[in-house]
Amino acid sequence: MDINLKEQLAELERRALSAIEAADSVKAIEDARVAFLGKKGELTAILKQMGKLSAEERPIIGQAANQVRETFEGAYSKKITALKNADMLSRLKTEGLDITLPGVRRKMGSRHPLRIVLDEVKEIFASMGYTMVYGPEVEETKYVFDMLNTFEGHPARDEQDTFYIDDKTLLRTQTSSVQIRTMLKNKPPIAVISPGRVYRCDEVDATHSPIFHQCEGLVVDKGLTFGDLKGTLEAFFKRLYGNDIKLRFRPHHFSYTEPSAEVDLSCFKCGGKGCGFCKGEGWIEMLGCGMVHPAVLRNCDIDPDVFTGFAFGMGIERITLMRYEIDDMRLLYENDTRFLRQFN
């Protein structure tokens, strides 16, 4: 038996307990703990010598060392609790609390108007059986253009309209790319909406921004018609704006839908009579829509002779501006709390 190590442990225990007893502050007892039990402490130094012991001696010395550690930690726990309590009592006796001082007012945040409207849009479509799908904002041209029947030479592919990273990669100009990815992964029936940020080379003004938000919808199934598209959009906007709202569908051209239409809503302020808000038209343009082009369905391995579909896309900023009668889109991005507080 290595008597020397046992004696060292006994002496260490005696000095450690004496140091704890003498400690008169939290700092002093912490210093004692580090000195005796730290990585470079005295107990660690003793344990490093165990490699010299025989196999029979090691468990005996190890048990003795553990006993020293447990004894120290027990004494340390009691003493530091007592010191902290004493310190608290001392502070209560010497420190005063002036209850007449004013409190610190915590400012409460609120949801951004864009988030309020987007959440409501998502809730309405979810109640209609739609699923939310998302995709990358840095996208390949084949998903944004090629598979959507928008080939080389189309104006939408011009550099003055689109942020290109290289010839095959860009910041998506629409969330229609998510619809393509969805149709490639899933077979009909499909009913999804794809909300998210999109990017276009627009100058910042009251109605344009290079970064804005879209929410596009896609439904693919057997026997769908333009009447289903009209009914869906009418149900959505009546839920969003009330039963008095009227919709007007105007023929249009989109390369990925056929037939295609622009959708106008009756002016919220004048009810369609004509005013400054709608520039005397009585109608406000809101979104584009149409039946999914057969070529787009074929690109996604969906037989257009069996399935039909409809799609629509709307800007969340535009819906928000009309919802709250805001006349300048820049107000949504300036983070002016005087403006945002109105939406608490």
Protein backbone atom coordinates (compact mmCIF):
# COMPACT_ATOMS: atom_id res chain seq x y z
CA MET A 1 0.00 0.00 0.00
CA ASP A 2 1.31 3.46 -0.92
CA ILE A 3 1.19 5.09 2.54
CA ASN A 4 2.59 8.35 1.12
CA LEU A 5 -0.43 8.98 -1.17
CA LYS A 6 -2.91 8.19 1.63
CA GLU A 7 -1.14 10.64 3.88
CA GLN A 8 -1.18 13.30 1.13
CA LEU A 9 -4.94 12.82 0.70
CA ALA A 10 -5.53 13.06 4.44
CA GLU A 11 -3.44 16.22 4.67
CA LEU A 12 -5.23 17.67 1.62
CA GLU A 13 -8.63 17.02 3.23
CA ARG A 14 -7.56 18.70 6.47
CA ARG A 15 -6.26 21.84 4.70
CA ALA A 16 -9.25 22.01 2.33
CA LEU A 17 -11.79 21.92 5.18
CA SER A 18 -9.73 24.49 7.06
CA ALA A 19 -9.77 26.80 3.98
CA ILE A 20 -13.54 26.46 3.69
CA GLU A 21 -13.99 27.26 7.35
CA ALA A 22 -11.79 30.34 7.06
CA ALA A 23 -13.47 31.68 3.89
CA ASP A 24 -15.39 34.87 4.68
CA SER A 25 -16.68 35.71 1.15
CA VAL A 26 -18.04 33.98 -1.94
CA LYS A 27 -14.84 34.88 -3.80
CA ALA A 28 -12.65 33.35 -1.11
CA ILE A 29 -14.51 30.04 -1.09
CA GLU A 30 -14.49 29.90 -4.90
CA ASP A 31 -10.74 30.42 -4.85
CA ALA A 32 -10.44 27.53 -2.38
CA ARG A 33 -12.53 25.26 -4.62
CA VAL A 34 -10.35 26.00 -7.65
CA ALA A 35 -7.14 25.53 -5.62
CA PHE A 36 -8.15 22.10 -4.33
CA LEU A 37 -10.50 20.65 -6.97
CA GLY A 38 -9.73 22.60 -10.16
CA LYS A 39 -8.10 21.13 -13.27
CA LYS A 40 -4.75 22.26 -11.96
CA GLY A 41 -5.70 21.82 -8.30
CA GLU A 42 -3.99 19.78 -5.58
CA LEU A 43 -6.32 16.76 -5.80
CA THR A 44 -5.68 16.47 -9.54
CA ALA A 45 -1.93 16.58 -8.91
CA ILE A 46 -2.20 13.71 -6.44
CA LEU A 47 -4.38 11.62 -8.79
CA LYS A 48 -1.76 11.96 -11.55
CA GLN A 49 0.55 9.87 -9.39
CA MET A 50 -1.79 6.87 -9.44
CA GLY A 51 -0.12 5.57 -12.60
CA LYS A 52 2.77 4.46 -10.41
CA LEU A 53 0.54 2.28 -8.24
CA SER A 54 -0.08 -1.42 -8.60
CA ALA A 55 -3.42 -2.76 -9.85
CA GLU A 56 -4.41 -3.68 -6.28
CA GLU A 57 -3.57 -0.23 -4.86
CA ARG A 58 -5.33 1.92 -7.46
CA PRO A 59 -8.96 1.25 -6.43
CA ILE A 60 -8.10 1.82 -2.77
CA ILE A 61 -6.42 5.18 -3.42
CA GLY A 62 -9.15 6.10 -5.92
CA GLN A 63 -11.85 5.43 -3.32
CA ALA A 64 -9.97 7.55 -0.78
CA ALA A 65 -9.64 10.38 -3.30
CA ASN A 66 -13.39 10.24 -4.04
CA GLN A 67 -14.11 10.41 -0.32
CA VAL A 68 -11.97 13.53 -0.02
CA ARG A 69 -13.81 15.11 -2.98
CA GLU A 70 -17.26 14.31 -1.53
CA THR A 71 -16.31 15.67 1.89
CA PHE A 72 -14.98 18.88 0.36
CA GLU A 73 -18.01 19.39 -1.91
CA GLY A 74 -20.43 18.85 0.98
CA ALA A 75 -18.66 21.41 3.15
CA TYR A 76 -18.33 23.79 0.19
CA SER A 77 -22.07 23.62 -0.58
CA LYS A 78 -23.08 24.43 2.99
CA LYS A 79 -20.59 27.27 3.34
CA ILE A 80 -21.35 29.01 0.02
CA THR A 81 -25.10 28.89 0.77
CA ALA A 82 -24.45 30.50 4.14
CA LEU A 83 -22.22 33.16 2.61
CA LYS A 84 -24.76 34.05 -0.08
CA ASN A 85 -27.55 34.30 2.49
CA ALA A 86 -25.40 36.52 4.69
CA ASP A 87 -24.54 38.70 1.70
CA MET A 88 -28.23 39.07 0.83
CA LEU A 89 -29.13 40.03 4.43
CA SER A 90 -26.37 42.61 4.45
CA ARG A 91 -27.59 44.17 1.20
CA LEU A 92 -31.18 44.28 2.47
CA LYS A 93 -30.04 46.15 5.56
CA THR A 94 -27.88 48.67 3.74
CA GLU A 95 -29.67 49.18 0.41
CA GLY A 96 -32.89 51.14 0.08
CA LEU A 97 -35.63 50.89 -2.53
CA ASP A 98 -37.34 54.08 -3.58
CA ILE A 99 -40.83 52.92 -4.52
CA THR A 100 -41.71 56.43 -5.75
CA LEU A 101 -39.35 56.14 -8.74
CA PRO A 102 -41.16 55.69 -12.08
CA GLY A 103 -41.02 52.23 -13.60
CA VAL A 104 -39.41 51.33 -16.91
CA ARG A 105 -42.07 51.18 -19.61
CA ARG A 106 -41.60 48.25 -21.94
CA LYS A 107 -42.71 48.93 -25.49
CA MET A 108 -44.85 46.19 -26.96
CA GLY A 109 -44.27 45.16 -30.54
CA SER A 110 -46.94 44.12 -33.03
CA ARG A 111 -47.25 42.17 -36.25
CA HIS A 112 -46.28 44.00 -39.43
CA PRO A 113 -49.25 44.83 -41.72
CA LEU A 114 -47.75 42.61 -44.43
CA ARG A 115 -47.63 39.73 -41.96
CA ILE A 116 -51.19 40.39 -40.79
CA VAL A 117 -52.53 40.21 -44.35
CA LEU A 118 -50.36 37.25 -45.38
CA ASP A 119 -51.47 35.25 -42.34
CA GLU A 120 -55.10 35.94 -43.21
CA VAL A 121 -54.54 34.94 -46.85
CA LYS A 122 -52.93 31.68 -45.74
CA GLU A 123 -55.75 31.01 -43.26
CA ILE A 124 -58.44 31.52 -45.92
CA PHE A 125 -56.79 29.20 -48.42
CA ALA A 126 -56.05 26.61 -45.74
CA SER A 127 -59.77 26.56 -44.90
CA MET A 128 -60.44 25.90 -48.60
CA GLY A 129 -58.19 22.82 -48.55
CA TYR A 130 -54.97 24.32 -49.91
CA THR A 131 -51.52 23.30 -48.65
CA MET A 132 -48.65 25.78 -48.16
CA VAL A 133 -45.50 25.01 -50.18
CA TYR A 134 -42.19 26.86 -50.25
CA GLY A 135 -39.12 26.91 -52.46
CA PRO A 136 -35.70 28.58 -52.90
CA GLU A 137 -35.42 32.29 -53.60
CA VAL A 138 -32.16 31.72 -55.50
CA GLU A 139 -33.53 29.62 -58.33
CA GLU A 140 -32.61 28.00 -61.65
CA THR A 141 -33.87 29.56 -64.87
CA LYS A 142 -35.45 26.28 -65.94
CA TYR A 143 -37.92 26.45 -63.02
CA VAL A 144 -38.61 30.19 -63.30
CA PHE A 145 -38.83 30.39 -67.10
CA ASP A 146 -38.20 27.33 -69.28
CA MET A 147 -40.67 24.90 -67.70
CA LEU A 148 -43.23 27.71 -67.47
CA ASN A 149 -43.28 28.07 -71.25
CA THR A 150 -41.27 31.31 -71.08
CA PHE A 151 -38.43 30.77 -73.53
CA GLU A 152 -35.34 32.74 -74.59
CA GLY A 153 -36.26 36.12 -76.03
CA HIS A 154 -39.29 36.65 -73.80
CA PRO A 155 -39.29 40.17 -72.29
CA ALA A 156 -39.54 38.77 -68.74
CA ARG A 157 -36.06 37.26 -69.20
CA ASP A 158 -34.38 40.59 -70.02
CA GLU A 159 -31.58 41.65 -67.70
CA GLN A 160 -33.32 44.97 -67.06
CA ASP A 161 -36.22 43.02 -65.51
CA THR A 162 -34.39 40.24 -63.67
CA PHE A 163 -31.53 39.87 -61.16
CA TYR A 164 -29.22 37.23 -62.67
CA ILE A 165 -26.45 35.55 -60.70
CA ASP A 166 -25.21 33.73 -63.81
CA ASP A 167 -26.77 32.48 -67.06
CA LYS A 168 -28.62 29.65 -65.29
CA THR A 169 -29.23 31.14 -61.83
CA LEU A 170 -31.27 34.13 -60.70
CA LEU A 171 -33.29 35.62 -57.89
CA ARG A 172 -36.78 34.31 -58.63
CA THR A 173 -39.13 36.80 -60.24
CA GLN A 174 -42.23 34.88 -59.17
CA THR A 175 -43.14 31.99 -56.91
CA SER A 176 -44.45 30.03 -59.93
CA SER A 177 -41.17 28.11 -59.75
CA VAL A 178 -42.52 26.48 -56.57
CA GLN A 179 -45.56 25.31 -58.53
CA ILE A 180 -43.27 23.56 -61.03
CA ARG A 181 -41.31 21.88 -58.25
CA THR A 182 -44.59 20.79 -56.64
CA MET A 183 -45.94 19.24 -59.85
CA LEU A 184 -42.65 17.40 -60.43
CA LYS A 185 -42.82 15.83 -56.95
CA ASN A 186 -46.57 15.21 -56.67
CA LYS A 187 -49.26 13.83 -58.91
CA PRO A 188 -52.79 15.27 -59.08
CA PRO A 189 -54.98 16.15 -57.32
CA ILE A 190 -52.91 19.19 -56.28
CA ALA A 191 -54.11 22.30 -54.42
CA VAL A 192 -51.31 24.53 -53.10
CA ILE A 193 -50.39 28.14 -52.48
CA SER A 194 -46.78 29.33 -52.50
CA PRO A 195 -46.17 32.56 -50.55
CA GLY A 196 -42.74 34.16 -50.49
CA ARG A 197 -40.35 36.94 -51.50
CA VAL A 198 -39.61 37.68 -55.16
CA TYR A 199 -37.20 40.05 -56.90
CA ARG A 200 -37.42 42.27 -59.97
CA CYS A 201 -35.36 45.19 -61.30
CA ASP A 202 -37.88 47.88 -60.41
CA GLU A 203 -37.08 51.39 -59.25
CA VAL A 204 -38.38 52.17 -55.76
CA ASP A 205 -41.45 54.38 -55.84
CA ALA A 206 -44.94 54.55 -54.33
CA THR A 207 -46.09 51.36 -56.11
CA HIS A 208 -42.88 49.44 -56.93
CA SER A 209 -40.02 47.79 -55.08
CA PRO A 210 -37.18 45.47 -56.19
CA ILE A 211 -38.18 43.11 -53.35
CA PHE A 212 -41.80 42.27 -52.67
CA HIS A 213 -44.04 39.37 -51.66
CA GLN A 214 -46.24 37.13 -53.75
CA CYS A 215 -48.75 34.42 -53.04
CA GLU A 216 -49.48 32.12 -55.96
CA GLY A 217 -52.02 29.34 -56.12
CA LEU A 218 -52.20 26.16 -58.19
CA VAL A 219 -54.92 23.54 -58.52
CA VAL A 220 -54.63 20.49 -60.81
CA ASP A 221 -57.31 17.81 -61.07
CA LYS A 222 -59.71 16.19 -63.50
CA GLY A 223 -62.45 18.32 -65.02
CA LEU A 224 -61.41 21.75 -63.76
CA THR A 225 -62.69 24.75 -65.74
CA PHE A 226 -62.30 28.53 -65.77
CA GLY A 227 -65.53 28.62 -63.78
CA ASP A 228 -63.76 26.86 -60.90
CA LEU A 229 -61.05 29.51 -61.02
CA LYS A 230 -63.59 32.35 -60.95
CA GLY A 231 -65.51 30.75 -58.08
CA THR A 232 -62.33 30.26 -56.08
CA LEU A 233 -61.18 33.86 -56.45
CA GLU A 234 -64.64 35.27 -55.72
CA ALA A 235 -64.89 33.17 -52.54
CA PHE A 236 -61.40 34.28 -51.48
CA PHE A 237 -61.89 38.01 -51.99
CA LYS A 238 -65.32 38.04 -50.38
CA ARG A 239 -63.77 36.40 -47.33
CA LEU A 240 -60.96 38.94 -47.36
CA TYR A 241 -62.84 42.16 -48.15
CA GLY A 242 -66.53 41.41 -47.55
CA ASN A 243 -69.51 40.31 -49.61
CA ASP A 244 -69.96 43.70 -51.29
CA ILE A 245 -66.75 43.33 -53.30
CA LYS A 246 -67.11 42.76 -57.07
CA LEU A 247 -64.65 41.08 -59.44
CA ARG A 248 -64.00 41.83 -63.10
CA PHE A 249 -62.06 39.42 -65.35
CA ARG A 250 -60.28 40.91 -68.40
CA PRO A 251 -58.63 38.80 -71.13
CA HIS A 252 -54.84 38.89 -70.94
CA HIS A 253 -51.78 36.89 -72.04
CA PHE A 254 -49.44 34.89 -69.83
CA SER A 255 -47.13 32.33 -71.41
CA TYR A 256 -47.88 29.71 -68.76
CA THR A 257 -51.71 29.94 -68.75
CA GLU A 258 -54.29 29.68 -71.54
CA PRO A 259 -56.78 31.29 -71.42
CA SER A 260 -55.43 34.04 -69.13
CA ALA A 261 -57.04 36.97 -67.36
CA GLU A 262 -56.33 40.01 -65.23
CA VAL A 263 -58.65 40.43 -62.27
CA ASP A 264 -59.89 43.82 -61.03
CA LEU A 265 -61.75 44.52 -57.82
CA SER A 266 -64.38 47.22 -57.38
CA CYS A 267 -62.90 50.22 -55.59
CA PHE A 268 -63.18 50.00 -51.81
CA LYS A 269 -63.65 53.73 -51.32
CA CYS A 270 -66.25 54.58 -53.96
CA GLY A 271 -67.85 51.18 -54.57
CA GLY A 272 -67.10 51.37 -58.28
CA LYS A 273 -68.37 54.93 -58.94
CA GLY A 274 -64.92 56.39 -59.56
CA CYS A 275 -62.72 58.42 -57.19
CA GLY A 276 -59.18 59.61 -56.67
CA PHE A 277 -58.17 56.33 -55.02
CA CYS A 278 -59.03 54.29 -58.16
CA LYS A 279 -58.10 57.17 -60.50
CA GLY A 280 -61.70 57.50 -61.62
CA GLU A 281 -61.87 53.96 -62.98
CA GLY A 282 -64.06 52.41 -60.30
CA TRP A 283 -61.84 49.31 -60.48
CA ILE A 284 -58.44 48.37 -59.06
CA GLU A 285 -56.20 45.79 -60.75
CA MET A 286 -55.30 43.03 -58.29
CA LEU A 287 -53.87 39.86 -59.87
CA GLY A 288 -53.35 37.65 -62.88
CA CYS A 289 -54.72 34.16 -63.40
CA GLY A 290 -55.63 31.53 -65.96
CA MET A 291 -55.88 27.85 -66.85
CA VAL A 292 -52.51 26.07 -66.70
CA HIS A 293 -51.06 25.81 -70.21
CA PRO A 294 -51.00 22.21 -71.51
CA ALA A 295 -47.27 22.56 -72.29
CA VAL A 296 -46.57 23.36 -68.62
CA LEU A 297 -48.46 20.23 -67.54
CA ARG A 298 -46.48 18.12 -70.04
CA ASN A 299 -43.20 19.57 -68.74
CA CYS A 300 -44.16 18.15 -65.33
CA ASP A 301 -45.20 14.74 -66.71
CA ILE A 302 -48.92 15.44 -66.20
CA ASP A 303 -51.20 14.43 -69.08
CA PRO A 304 -53.22 17.51 -70.20
CA ASP A 305 -55.73 15.19 -71.89
CA VAL A 306 -56.61 13.79 -68.46
CA PHE A 307 -55.98 16.70 -66.09
CA THR A 308 -56.57 20.44 -66.20
CA GLY A 309 -55.51 23.10 -63.75
CA PHE A 310 -55.76 26.75 -62.88
CA ALA A 311 -53.26 29.15 -61.34
CA PHE A 312 -53.27 32.67 -59.94
CA GLY A 313 -50.75 35.05 -58.44
CA MET A 314 -51.21 38.13 -56.28
CA GLY A 315 -48.91 40.64 -54.63
CA ILE A 316 -49.24 40.78 -50.86
CA GLU A 317 -48.13 44.42 -50.84
CA ARG A 318 -50.95 45.37 -53.20
CA ILE A 319 -53.54 43.52 -51.14
CA THR A 320 -52.20 45.25 -47.99
CA LEU A 321 -52.27 48.71 -49.59
CA MET A 322 -55.88 48.22 -50.61
CA ARG A 323 -56.85 46.63 -47.30
CA TYR A 324 -55.64 49.59 -45.25
CA GLU A 325 -56.01 52.33 -47.92
CA ILE A 326 -52.28 53.06 -47.90
CA ASP A 327 -51.15 55.16 -50.87
CA ASP A 328 -47.37 54.57 -50.73
CA MET A 329 -45.73 51.12 -50.62
CA ARG A 330 -42.52 52.58 -49.17
CA LEU A 331 -44.29 53.07 -45.84
CA LEU A 332 -44.31 49.27 -45.43
CA TYR A 333 -40.51 49.08 -45.49
CA GLU A 334 -39.32 52.20 -43.65
CA ASN A 335 -39.81 50.75 -40.14
CA ASP A 336 -41.31 54.00 -38.86
CA THR A 337 -42.91 53.03 -35.54
CA ARG A 338 -45.37 55.93 -35.82
CA PHE A 339 -46.79 54.22 -38.89
CA LEU A 340 -46.55 50.62 -37.65
CA ARG A 341 -48.22 51.37 -34.29
CA GLN A 342 -51.50 51.90 -36.16
CA PHE A 343 -51.73 48.14 -36.74
CA ASN A 344 -51.56 47.00 -33.09
